Amino acid sequence: MTLPYGDFSDEDFSKAIAEYKQTKAVGSQGSKVEGRLLEELFLRYPTVYIVSADERDSSKKHGGEPPYVVYVGETNDIRSRTRQHIELDPRTRTDWERLVRFMRNHQDRVCQYIIGDRHFNKSLTLDMENRLMGYMQSVDAVKLVMNRRTNAQDMYYTSDEFDSIFSKAWQTLHEMEPDLFPEEKAILDSALFKASPFRKLTDEQRRAEEAVLHVLESVIIQNPGEGFHSMTESTGPVQIDGDADTQVIVVQGMSGTGKTVLLSHLFYQICARYGIYGNLNGKDDNHSSKARQRSYIIVNQVEQANVYNQMALKLGLQKKRGQCVVGAVQFINRFSKHTNRNGRSTGRAADPMNSVDAKADVVLIDEAHLLLTQGSQSYSGSNQLYDILRRAKVAIVVFDPEQVLRGSQFVDAQESRLLGLTGSEHDKAFSQPMHIREQSRDGQAHEDTFQVSHVRLDQQMRIQADPATCAWLDRMTAKDGVIEPLHPDPWEHPYEIKVFDSPKDLREFIRYKDREQRGEGSLGLCRLLATYDWPYSSKKHPDPLDSSRHWQVVLRQGDSGQWVWAEEGQEGDGEFAMPWNYELYEAQGNSAANHRIAWAELPFTIDEVGSIFTIQGFDLNYAGVIIGPSVTYRNGKIKFEPKFSCNTLATNHRSEPEMNPVDNLRHEFNVLLKRGVHGLGLFAVDPELRNRLAWAVGGFARVQD
């Protein structure tokens, strides 16, 4: 049922119910529940409601940002709750004050959707509210969700009915207002939903979150008046090393184990419980301490940073990009003195080790395996993780050693041991001090002590396959690189793994799957990927004299019929050529809107080939991976050939003898092969690898398969 906002008298609700009954907006239920019973359903049963304000006119002043502001709630008395929102909430909440003021001037643009069901109870409506918040946060047309808490429920009497009730309600909303309520499958495919803090955690994720919050609460108890605000009732303090500069919680998990969902859930919980703004210890001449915040999330992958920035904006955690979602260098500079030894302003931390100026209360680091462990043009330190830890009271560090991709990210055995990254998968939790001794740029020894706790995620959440199929992928991407026979997936909807003897057949398979997925209302999310074995540069054009040229993935069919690597070429008979990721942006207008959307969600990227840099951390429904010449099969094992890789960031050597570029290429291979939720298509340039893969899955697939 819909109701113009601001109308909450008995007559207003009776009128809305009468109109609702007449249009039968709820389908079969509307035809069965008549008159008084329908009125009881909305006015005497628990209900869930969505308040939406369409600020489309004002959005034109802000570069075409999404128009809708929404609030999701549940109540046992919709009339009383509506009155409270309009008359009382504006006195204590600026967001409600703003919305009610907008309503007074544009009453026809503020609407309330009310959802009722005879099976509603308190737990189910809380679950409904929680999922709706996650859905609304993922809608492109929504710029702000005004809610401040999560409400995911565990088991309850009617929990087995929840999914069906929710989907029917969402479908009705979609029919009423498709711009605000898109197809449910499109929501489920979106990167924003997959990173939503409103998603229900698994038991393993929930235990990990409780362990992190337990450490955090213990820090608060032992550091009263240090900027933290008290949380809810504590389960009791854990032992904290009083000499430690920073409390560090390492969350370790392989690809697809739900690290992103856990991190976003933690960040939202921390921001909601403590608040995000506040004065911090320390100050400098270049940055007001008021511009700093208590909680930050550091994101080290460009595409993921876009997702987190949108999420933080839509949830009101930041007013503009880059306030609480930052890169590593940005965070280090924000909490550093910006003067050199002569007192001159440098504009950045000239010596990050000796320029700490303040500490954030809580810092969460996504994909910490991508942090630099040596200096670069924009970073003058030697270890970004250590420099971040020096600027935080509590740091939550998400790490997967199997996703280190560059020589500049290499983590030596000592650091791995101190972070707890070398334990067995059954050694899930421990706490130990981490003593660091480094030499600063001025030659002085610098010592730090961090107290490290460790939790591990093992459950595979991305790949919807039976354990044997997941294990087959794990063995193939492990150091031994063994390719064994793949037994059929016994699940009702088996995970598809197909091997092709032509890149064109692989492309057709992915395009077919994308059309199939879109026909079911999803975003498609079926894309080609490739190992970084073909030239690419984001800083220069492949041919300055020909603007139509692109950096491409090119394969040519030789006289023997075998497909071989080629540096350049054009699509045609016996030739495969597709542009690398981002190459078609300019032809699509290179709009700001496109850059806000994850690469795989843009429709035109079906005609591009993705790389490790665009797909790491994201899901696809089906991934088609072109395995270039840097990956071969020799003597019964997968072997990597750095000389055939174009990824110099991965193949460059460092002085540490234990650093091996082959590990970086193997990690790239591992990430690419574990993107597909429902299936994986493969084509390998190396004939031996291609034939071995086909043998493992029972032969080459045909396009019509």
Foldseek 3Di string as FASTA:
>chain_A
DKAQAPDQDPVRLLVVLVVCLVVVLLPPVSVVQDDPRSSCQQAQAKKKKKKKAFQQVVCVVVANAAGIEMEIDIDRGVSVVSCCLQPPVVVPDVVSVVVNVVCVVCSVRIMMDMDGDPPDDDLLNLQLRLVVLLLQLQQRNFQAYADQDERHDDDDDCPVCNVVSNQSVLVSVCVVPVNRRPHPQASVAAPLSLLDLSDDDDPQLVVLLLVQVQALQLLCVVDPPQLFDHFPDHPDHDDDDPQALAAEEEEEEDPQLSPSNSLSNSQSRRCSGGPWFDAWAFDEDPDGSRLATQEAEAEAAQLVLLSVQSSCRHHVVDVHRPSRYHHLQVLLQNQFYQADPVRDGNSGHQWLQPTGGTAHAEYEYPALLAWFQCADPSGNYRGSVVSNRNRYRYYYYYYYPLQNFFQRSDDDPLRCVLQVNPDDPVCAWDKDKDWDWDATPVRDIDIGIYIYIGGYGYDRRFAPFDPQVVVQLVCCLDPQNFHAARDWTPDPQHFAEAEAQDVVLLLLLQVVQLVVSVVVRHLSQRAEAEEQLEDDDPPDAPDPVDLVDARWFKWFQDPVRAIAGDRDDDDDVRMDIAHAFPRCCVVVVVDPVVSSGQRSSDVVNSRHYYFCSRQQPAAGQEYEYEYEPQWEADPRRIHGHVVSHPPCRLCPDDPDPVDHSRSSSSSRVSRRQRRHHRYYYYYYNHPRVSVSNQVNHVHHDGSVD
